[in-house]
Amino acid sequence: MSKLELLNVNGEKVKDIKLNDELTIKVEYKYNAIRTIEAPCHTKECIKMNWTSSVNKPIICMDLHYKIVIERTVDNPDVVI
């Protein structure tokens, strides 16, 4: 898993995340929330899940075998992919 810091992203709101050499997803984020906006999977369930800001509601893609989880510390929310 890799971490994407929500507070330190150079002002970008959309980012391509490389899952492996062949697969890339596109996520959109804002402070404390993230969603998948493009993914090369068949069902698009990860896109249908829409925004999440809850540590108890990860975005899961069963086709591509990844999940996006928000981990929070007091001063620093992170997204773990």
PDB file of N, CA and C in Angstrom:
ATOM      1  N   MET A   1       0.845  -1.188   0.000  1.00  0.00           N
ATOM      2  CA  MET A   1       0.000   0.000   0.000  1.00  0.00           C
ATOM      3  C   MET A   1       0.878   1.235   0.000  1.00  0.00           C
ATOM      4  N   SER A   2       0.389   2.258  -0.647  1.00  0.00           N
ATOM      5  CA  SER A   2       1.125   3.514  -0.657  1.00  0.00           C
ATOM      6  C   SER A   2       0.243   4.618  -0.094  1.00  0.00           C
ATOM      7  N   LYS A   3       0.876   5.654   0.426  1.00  0.00           N
ATOM      8  CA  LYS A   3       0.142   6.766   1.017  1.00  0.00           C
ATOM      9  C   LYS A   3       0.142   7.965   0.095  1.00  0.00           C
ATOM     10  N   LEU A   4      -0.985   8.647   0.048  1.00  0.00           N
ATOM     11  CA  LEU A   4      -1.136   9.894  -0.699  1.00  0.00           C
ATOM     12  C   LEU A   4      -1.601  10.931   0.307  1.00  0.00           C
ATOM     13  N   GLU A   5      -0.755  11.882   0.625  1.00  0.00           N
ATOM     14  CA  GLU A   5      -1.112  12.876   1.632  1.00  0.00           C
ATOM     15  C   GLU A   5      -2.100  13.871   1.058  1.00  0.00           C
ATOM     16  N   LEU A   6      -3.234  14.021   1.718  1.00  0.00           N
ATOM     17  CA  LEU A   6      -4.256  14.942   1.246  1.00  0.00           C
ATOM     18  C   LEU A   6      -3.859  16.397   1.442  1.00  0.00           C
ATOM     19  N   LEU A   7      -3.054  16.690   2.440  1.00  0.00           N
ATOM     20  CA  LEU A   7      -2.721  18.080   2.719  1.00  0.00           C
ATOM     21  C   LEU A   7      -1.521  18.577   1.923  1.00  0.00           C
ATOM     22  N   ASN A   8      -0.771  17.698   1.292  1.00  0.00           N
ATOM     23  CA  ASN A   8       0.444  18.103   0.606  1.00  0.00           C
ATOM     24  C   ASN A   8       0.446  17.546  -0.812  1.00  0.00           C
ATOM     25  N   VAL A   9      -0.393  18.091  -1.667  1.00  0.00           N
ATOM     26  CA  VAL A   9      -0.528  17.560  -3.020  1.00  0.00           C
ATOM     27  C   VAL A   9      -0.308  18.636  -4.074  1.00  0.00           C
ATOM     28  N   ASN A  10       0.445  19.675  -3.732  1.00  0.00           N
ATOM     29  CA  ASN A  10       0.804  20.734  -4.676  1.00  0.00           C
ATOM     30  C   ASN A  10      -0.399  21.405  -5.316  1.00  0.00           C
ATOM     31  N   GLY A  11      -1.490  21.503  -4.601  1.00  0.00           N
ATOM     32  CA  GLY A  11      -2.665  22.181  -5.104  1.00  0.00           C
ATOM     33  C   GLY A  11      -3.484  21.393  -6.098  1.00  0.00           C
ATOM     34  N   GLU A  12      -3.046  20.182  -6.465  1.00  0.00           N
ATOM     35  CA  GLU A  12      -3.794  19.368  -7.408  1.00  0.00           C
ATOM     36  C   GLU A  12      -5.044  18.812  -6.741  1.00  0.00           C
ATOM     37  N   LYS A  13      -6.123  18.691  -7.504  1.00  0.00           N
ATOM     38  CA  LYS A  13      -7.341  18.082  -6.991  1.00  0.00           C
ATOM     39  C   LYS A  13      -7.599  16.732  -7.636  1.00  0.00           C
ATOM     40  N   VAL A  14      -6.918  16.442  -8.734  1.00  0.00           N
ATOM     41  CA  VAL A  14      -7.068  15.168  -9.428  1.00  0.00           C
ATOM     42  C   VAL A  14      -5.678  14.575  -9.600  1.00  0.00           C
ATOM     43  N   LYS A  15      -5.561  13.272  -9.358  1.00  0.00           N
ATOM     44  CA  LYS A  15      -4.249  12.640  -9.447  1.00  0.00           C
ATOM     45  C   LYS A  15      -4.388  11.246 -10.046  1.00  0.00           C
ATOM     46  N   ASP A  16      -3.472  10.893 -10.936  1.00  0.00           N
ATOM     47  CA  ASP A  16      -3.391   9.538 -11.470  1.00  0.00           C
ATOM     48  C   ASP A  16      -2.567   8.693 -10.503  1.00  0.00           C
ATOM     49  N   ILE A  17      -3.101   7.534 -10.153  1.00  0.00           N
ATOM     50  CA  ILE A  17      -2.415   6.612  -9.254  1.00  0.00           C
ATOM     51  C   ILE A  17      -2.116   5.340 -10.032  1.00  0.00           C
ATOM     52  N   LYS A  18      -0.859   5.009 -10.134  1.00  0.00           N
ATOM     53  CA  LYS A  18      -0.443   3.813 -10.857  1.00  0.00           C
ATOM     54  C   LYS A  18      -0.531   2.614  -9.912  1.00  0.00           C
ATOM     55  N   LEU A  19      -1.412   1.665 -10.226  1.00  0.00           N
ATOM     56  CA  LEU A  19      -1.567   0.477  -9.396  1.00  0.00           C
ATOM     57  C   LEU A  19      -0.486  -0.555  -9.704  1.00  0.00           C
ATOM     58  N   ASN A  20      -0.123  -0.646 -10.956  1.00  0.00           N
ATOM     59  CA  ASN A  20       0.991  -1.492 -11.391  1.00  0.00           C
ATOM     60  C   ASN A  20       1.445  -0.984 -12.759  1.00  0.00           C
ATOM     61  N   ASP A  21       2.261  -1.734 -13.459  1.00  0.00           N
ATOM     62  CA  ASP A  21       2.802  -1.263 -14.747  1.00  0.00           C
ATOM     63  C   ASP A  21       1.732  -1.013 -15.798  1.00  0.00           C
ATOM     64  N   GLU A  22       0.579  -1.664 -15.669  1.00  0.00           N
ATOM     65  CA  GLU A  22      -0.444  -1.578 -16.708  1.00  0.00           C
ATOM     66  C   GLU A  22      -1.716  -0.856 -16.272  1.00  0.00           C
ATOM     67  N   LEU A  23      -1.941  -0.710 -14.983  1.00  0.00           N
ATOM     68  CA  LEU A  23      -3.214  -0.182 -14.494  1.00  0.00           C
ATOM     69  C   LEU A  23      -3.042   1.129 -13.749  1.00  0.00           C
ATOM     70  N   THR A  24      -3.856   2.107 -14.122  1.00  0.00           N
ATOM     71  CA  THR A  24      -3.855   3.416 -13.475  1.00  0.00           C
ATOM     72  C   THR A  24      -5.295   3.816 -13.195  1.00  0.00           C
ATOM     73  N   ILE A  25      -5.512   4.384 -12.021  1.00  0.00           N
ATOM     74  CA  ILE A  25      -6.815   4.952 -11.694  1.00  0.00           C
ATOM     75  C   ILE A  25      -6.649   6.452 -11.524  1.00  0.00           C
ATOM     76  N   LYS A  26      -7.733   7.175 -11.609  1.00  0.00           N
ATOM     77  CA  LYS A  26      -7.705   8.618 -11.392  1.00  0.00           C
ATOM     78  C   LYS A  26      -8.596   8.917 -10.199  1.00  0.00           C
ATOM     79  N   VAL A  27      -8.049   9.632  -9.229  1.00  0.00           N
ATOM     80  CA  VAL A  27      -8.811   9.999  -8.037  1.00  0.00           C
ATOM     81  C   VAL A  27      -8.916  11.512  -7.943  1.00  0.00           C
ATOM     82  N   GLU A  28      -9.987  11.946  -7.344  1.00  0.00           N
ATOM     83  CA  GLU A  28     -10.190  13.359  -7.031  1.00  0.00           C
ATOM     84  C   GLU A  28     -10.261  13.460  -5.525  1.00  0.00           C
ATOM     85  N   TYR A  29      -9.633  14.465  -4.984  1.00  0.00           N
ATOM     86  CA  TYR A  29      -9.629  14.573  -3.538  1.00  0.00           C
ATOM     87  C   TYR A  29      -9.783  16.011  -3.105  1.00  0.00           C
ATOM     88  N   LYS A  30     -10.223  16.134  -1.889  1.00  0.00           N
ATOM     89  CA  LYS A  30     -10.304  17.409  -1.191  1.00  0.00           C
ATOM     90  C   LYS A  30     -10.006  17.094   0.257  1.00  0.00           C
ATOM     91  N   TYR A  31      -9.900  18.077   1.069  1.00  0.00           N
ATOM     92  CA  TYR A  31      -9.563  17.845   2.468  1.00  0.00           C
ATOM     93  C   TYR A  31     -10.558  16.866   3.088  1.00  0.00           C
ATOM     94  N   ASN A  32     -10.046  15.761   3.594  1.00  0.00           N
ATOM     95  CA  ASN A  32     -10.825  14.732   4.282  1.00  0.00           C
ATOM     96  C   ASN A  32     -11.750  13.907   3.395  1.00  0.00           C
ATOM     97  N   ALA A  33     -11.672  13.967   2.087  1.00  0.00           N
ATOM     98  CA  ALA A  33     -12.548  13.160   1.232  1.00  0.00           C
ATOM     99  C   ALA A  33     -11.854  12.821  -0.076  1.00  0.00           C
ATOM    100  N   ILE A  34     -12.209  11.658  -0.623  1.00  0.00           N
ATOM    101  CA  ILE A  34     -11.622  11.206  -1.881  1.00  0.00           C
ATOM    102  C   ILE A  34     -12.632  10.339  -2.615  1.00  0.00           C
ATOM    103  N   ARG A  35     -12.495  10.298  -3.944  1.00  0.00           N
ATOM    104  CA  ARG A  35     -13.312   9.404  -4.752  1.00  0.00           C
ATOM    105  C   ARG A  35     -12.523   9.001  -5.984  1.00  0.00           C
ATOM    106  N   THR A  36     -12.899   7.865  -6.560  1.00  0.00           N
ATOM    107  CA  THR A  36     -12.317   7.409  -7.818  1.00  0.00           C
ATOM    108  C   THR A  36     -13.167   7.987  -8.944  1.00  0.00           C
ATOM    109  N   ILE A  37     -12.528   8.616  -9.935  1.00  0.00           N
ATOM    110  CA  ILE A  37     -13.296   9.183 -11.043  1.00  0.00           C
ATOM    111  C   ILE A  37     -13.053   8.454 -12.359  1.00  0.00           C
ATOM    112  N   GLU A  38     -11.961   7.695 -12.463  1.00  0.00           N
ATOM    113  CA  GLU A  38     -11.709   6.866 -13.648  1.00  0.00           C
ATOM    114  C   GLU A  38     -10.979   5.606 -13.213  1.00  0.00           C
ATOM    115  N   ALA A  39     -11.428   4.476 -13.764  1.00  0.00           N
ATOM    116  CA  ALA A  39     -10.767   3.207 -13.481  1.00  0.00           C
ATOM    117  C   ALA A  39     -11.017   2.258 -14.645  1.00  0.00           C
ATOM    118  N   PRO A  40     -10.015   1.451 -15.011  1.00  0.00           N
ATOM    119  CA  PRO A  40     -10.167   0.551 -16.148  1.00  0.00           C
ATOM    120  C   PRO A  40     -10.822  -0.787 -15.787  1.00  0.00           C
ATOM    121  N   CYS A  41     -11.700  -0.791 -14.815  1.00  0.00           N
ATOM    122  CA  CYS A  41     -12.373  -2.033 -14.425  1.00  0.00           C
ATOM    123  C   CYS A  41     -13.697  -2.168 -15.169  1.00  0.00           C
ATOM    124  N   HIS A  42     -14.299  -3.338 -15.069  1.00  0.00           N
ATOM    125  CA  HIS A  42     -15.533  -3.609 -15.804  1.00  0.00           C
ATOM    126  C   HIS A  42     -16.781  -3.092 -15.086  1.00  0.00           C
ATOM    127  N   THR A  43     -16.841  -3.266 -13.786  1.00  0.00           N
ATOM    128  CA  THR A  43     -18.075  -2.959 -13.055  1.00  0.00           C
ATOM    129  C   THR A  43     -18.202  -1.493 -12.652  1.00  0.00           C
ATOM    130  N   LYS A  44     -17.097  -0.802 -12.518  1.00  0.00           N
ATOM    131  CA  LYS A  44     -17.069   0.610 -12.093  1.00  0.00           C
ATOM    132  C   LYS A  44     -17.673   0.813 -10.699  1.00  0.00           C
ATOM    133  N   GLU A  45     -17.669  -0.245  -9.870  1.00  0.00           N
ATOM    134  CA  GLU A  45     -18.214  -0.130  -8.511  1.00  0.00           C
ATOM    135  C   GLU A  45     -17.436   0.898  -7.690  1.00  0.00           C
ATOM    136  N   CYS A  46     -16.133   0.993  -7.913  1.00  0.00           N
ATOM    137  CA  CYS A  46     -15.325   1.960  -7.165  1.00  0.00           C
ATOM    138  C   CYS A  46     -15.751   3.395  -7.485  1.00  0.00           C
ATOM    139  N   ILE A  47     -16.162   3.644  -8.707  1.00  0.00           N
ATOM    140  CA  ILE A  47     -16.639   4.976  -9.102  1.00  0.00           C
ATOM    141  C   ILE A  47     -18.032   5.225  -8.537  1.00  0.00           C
ATOM    142  N   LYS A  48     -18.879   4.199  -8.563  1.00  0.00           N
ATOM    143  CA  LYS A  48     -20.244   4.325  -8.047  1.00  0.00           C
ATOM    144  C   LYS A  48     -20.282   4.590  -6.547  1.00  0.00           C
ATOM    145  N   MET A  49     -19.223   4.216  -5.826  1.00  0.00           N
ATOM    146  CA  MET A  49     -19.181   4.436  -4.377  1.00  0.00           C
ATOM    147  C   MET A  49     -19.095   5.924  -4.037  1.00  0.00           C
ATOM    148  N   ASN A  50     -18.647   6.740  -4.981  1.00  0.00           N
ATOM    149  CA  ASN A  50     -18.582   8.188  -4.850  1.00  0.00           C
ATOM    150  C   ASN A  50     -17.641   8.615  -3.730  1.00  0.00           C
ATOM    151  N   TRP A  51     -17.872   9.770  -3.122  1.00  0.00           N
ATOM    152  CA  TRP A  51     -16.981  10.344  -2.118  1.00  0.00           C
ATOM    153  C   TRP A  51     -16.997   9.529  -0.832  1.00  0.00           C
ATOM    154  N   THR A  52     -15.844   9.440  -0.193  1.00  0.00           N
ATOM    155  CA  THR A  52     -15.765   8.911   1.156  1.00  0.00           C
ATOM    156  C   THR A  52     -14.882   9.825   1.988  1.00  0.00           C
ATOM    157  N   SER A  53     -15.302  10.022   3.209  1.00  0.00           N
ATOM    158  CA  SER A  53     -14.483  10.760   4.163  1.00  0.00           C
ATOM    159  C   SER A  53     -14.419   9.999   5.479  1.00  0.00           C
ATOM    160  N   SER A  54     -14.932   8.790   5.470  1.00  0.00           N
ATOM    161  CA  SER A  54     -15.002   7.987   6.676  1.00  0.00           C
ATOM    162  C   SER A  54     -13.898   6.942   6.703  1.00  0.00           C
ATOM    163  N   VAL A  55     -13.290   6.782   7.854  1.00  0.00           N
ATOM    164  CA  VAL A  55     -12.295   5.719   8.007  1.00  0.00           C
ATOM    165  C   VAL A  55     -12.974   4.354   7.965  1.00  0.00           C
ATOM    166  N   ASN A  56     -14.280   4.315   8.171  1.00  0.00           N
ATOM    167  CA  ASN A  56     -15.035   3.061   8.170  1.00  0.00           C
ATOM    168  C   ASN A  56     -15.659   2.727   6.818  1.00  0.00           C
ATOM    169  N   LYS A  57     -15.486   3.590   5.816  1.00  0.00           N
ATOM    170  CA  LYS A  57     -16.073   3.352   4.497  1.00  0.00           C
ATOM    171  C   LYS A  57     -15.001   3.505   3.417  1.00  0.00           C
ATOM    172  N   PRO A  58     -14.190   2.459   3.202  1.00  0.00           N
ATOM    173  CA  PRO A  58     -13.181   2.550   2.143  1.00  0.00           C
ATOM    174  C   PRO A  58     -13.822   2.401   0.773  1.00  0.00           C
ATOM    175  N   ILE A  59     -13.127   2.865  -0.252  1.00  0.00           N
ATOM    176  CA  ILE A  59     -13.530   2.613  -1.630  1.00  0.00           C
ATOM    177  C   ILE A  59     -12.838   1.321  -2.045  1.00  0.00           C
ATOM    178  N   ILE A  60     -13.617   0.364  -2.528  1.00  0.00           N
ATOM    179  CA  ILE A  60     -13.076  -0.952  -2.854  1.00  0.00           C
ATOM    180  C   ILE A  60     -13.355  -1.279  -4.315  1.00  0.00           C
ATOM    181  N   CYS A  61     -12.339  -1.786  -4.999  1.00  0.00           N
ATOM    182  CA  CYS A  61     -12.499  -2.262  -6.372  1.00  0.00           C
ATOM    183  C   CYS A  61     -12.154  -3.746  -6.388  1.00  0.00           C
ATOM    184  N   MET A  62     -13.177  -4.572  -6.557  1.00  0.00           N
ATOM    185  CA  MET A  62     -12.966  -6.017  -6.583  1.00  0.00           C
ATOM    186  C   MET A  62     -12.304  -6.462  -7.893  1.00  0.00           C
ATOM    187  N   ASP A  63     -12.543  -5.748  -8.981  1.00  0.00           N
ATOM    188  CA  ASP A  63     -11.943  -6.118 -10.267  1.00  0.00           C
ATOM    189  C   ASP A  63     -10.426  -5.900 -10.284  1.00  0.00           C
ATOM    190  N   LEU A  64     -10.002  -4.738  -9.799  1.00  0.00           N
ATOM    191  CA  LEU A  64      -8.578  -4.394  -9.846  1.00  0.00           C
ATOM    192  C   LEU A  64      -7.845  -4.720  -8.551  1.00  0.00           C
ATOM    193  N   HIS A  65      -8.572  -5.156  -7.546  1.00  0.00           N
ATOM    194  CA  HIS A  65      -8.005  -5.572  -6.266  1.00  0.00           C
ATOM    195  C   HIS A  65      -7.255  -4.436  -5.554  1.00  0.00           C
ATOM    196  N   TYR A  66      -7.946  -3.328  -5.360  1.00  0.00           N
ATOM    197  CA  TYR A  66      -7.379  -2.252  -4.555  1.00  0.00           C
ATOM    198  C   TYR A  66      -8.460  -1.678  -3.668  1.00  0.00           C
ATOM    199  N   LYS A  67      -8.026  -0.974  -2.646  1.00  0.00           N
ATOM    200  CA  LYS A  67      -8.966  -0.217  -1.815  1.00  0.00           C
ATOM    201  C   LYS A  67      -8.309   1.083  -1.406  1.00  0.00           C
ATOM    202  N   ILE A  68      -9.136   2.094  -1.218  1.00  0.00           N
ATOM    203  CA  ILE A  68      -8.687   3.410  -0.793  1.00  0.00           C
ATOM    204  C   ILE A  68      -9.257   3.627   0.598  1.00  0.00           C
ATOM    205  N   VAL A  69      -8.379   3.859   1.547  1.00  0.00           N
ATOM    206  CA  VAL A  69      -8.769   4.016   2.943  1.00  0.00           C
ATOM    207  C   VAL A  69      -8.229   5.343   3.448  1.00  0.00           C
ATOM    208  N   ILE A  70      -9.056   6.087   4.146  1.00  0.00           N
ATOM    209  CA  ILE A  70      -8.576   7.314   4.788  1.00  0.00           C
ATOM    210  C   ILE A  70      -8.125   6.954   6.191  1.00  0.00           C
ATOM    211  N   GLU A  71      -6.890   7.324   6.510  1.00  0.00           N
ATOM    212  CA  GLU A  71      -6.358   7.159   7.858  1.00  0.00           C
ATOM    213  C   GLU A  71      -6.173   8.541   8.438  1.00  0.00           C
ATOM    214  N   ARG A  72      -6.651   8.745   9.638  1.00  0.00           N
ATOM    215  CA  ARG A  72      -6.545  10.073  10.236  1.00  0.00           C
ATOM    216  C   ARG A  72      -5.682  10.052  11.475  1.00  0.00           C
ATOM    217  N   THR A  73      -4.828  11.051  11.558  1.00  0.00           N
ATOM    218  CA  THR A  73      -4.186  11.393  12.824  1.00  0.00           C
ATOM    219  C   THR A  73      -4.772  12.747  13.196  1.00  0.00           C
ATOM    220  N   VAL A  74      -4.384  13.290  14.277  1.00  0.00           N
ATOM    221  CA  VAL A  74      -4.981  14.538  14.735  1.00  0.00           C
ATOM    222  C   VAL A  74      -4.828  15.663  13.705  1.00  0.00           C
ATOM    223  N   ASP A  75      -3.640  15.816  13.155  1.00  0.00           N
ATOM    224  CA  ASP A  75      -3.381  16.939  12.266  1.00  0.00           C
ATOM    225  C   ASP A  75      -3.211  16.559  10.795  1.00  0.00           C
ATOM    226  N   ASN A  76      -3.283  15.261  10.472  1.00  0.00           N
ATOM    227  CA  ASN A  76      -2.857  14.871   9.141  1.00  0.00           C
ATOM    228  C   ASN A  76      -3.677  13.708   8.589  1.00  0.00           C
ATOM    229  N   PRO A  77      -4.713  13.991   7.796  1.00  0.00           N
ATOM    230  CA  PRO A  77      -5.415  12.891   7.140  1.00  0.00           C
ATOM    231  C   PRO A  77      -4.588  12.372   5.960  1.00  0.00           C
ATOM    232  N   ASP A  78      -4.506  11.073   5.814  1.00  0.00           N
ATOM    233  CA  ASP A  78      -3.798  10.436   4.699  1.00  0.00           C
ATOM    234  C   ASP A  78      -4.766   9.549   3.966  1.00  0.00           C
ATOM    235  N   VAL A  79      -4.468   9.287   2.720  1.00  0.00           N
ATOM    236  CA  VAL A  79      -5.197   8.295   1.955  1.00  0.00           C
ATOM    237  C   VAL A  79      -4.227   7.169   1.677  1.00  0.00           C
ATOM    238  N   VAL A  80      -4.634   5.940   1.983  1.00  0.00           N
ATOM    239  CA  VAL A  80      -3.810   4.780   1.727  1.00  0.00           C
ATOM    240  C   VAL A  80      -4.435   4.004   0.588  1.00  0.00           C
ATOM    241  N   ILE A  81      -3.663   3.741  -0.446  1.00  0.00           N
ATOM    242  CA  ILE A  81      -4.155   3.026  -1.619  1.00  0.00           C
ATOM    243  C   ILE A  81      -3.454   1.688  -1.693  1.00  0.00           C
TER     244      ILE A  81
END
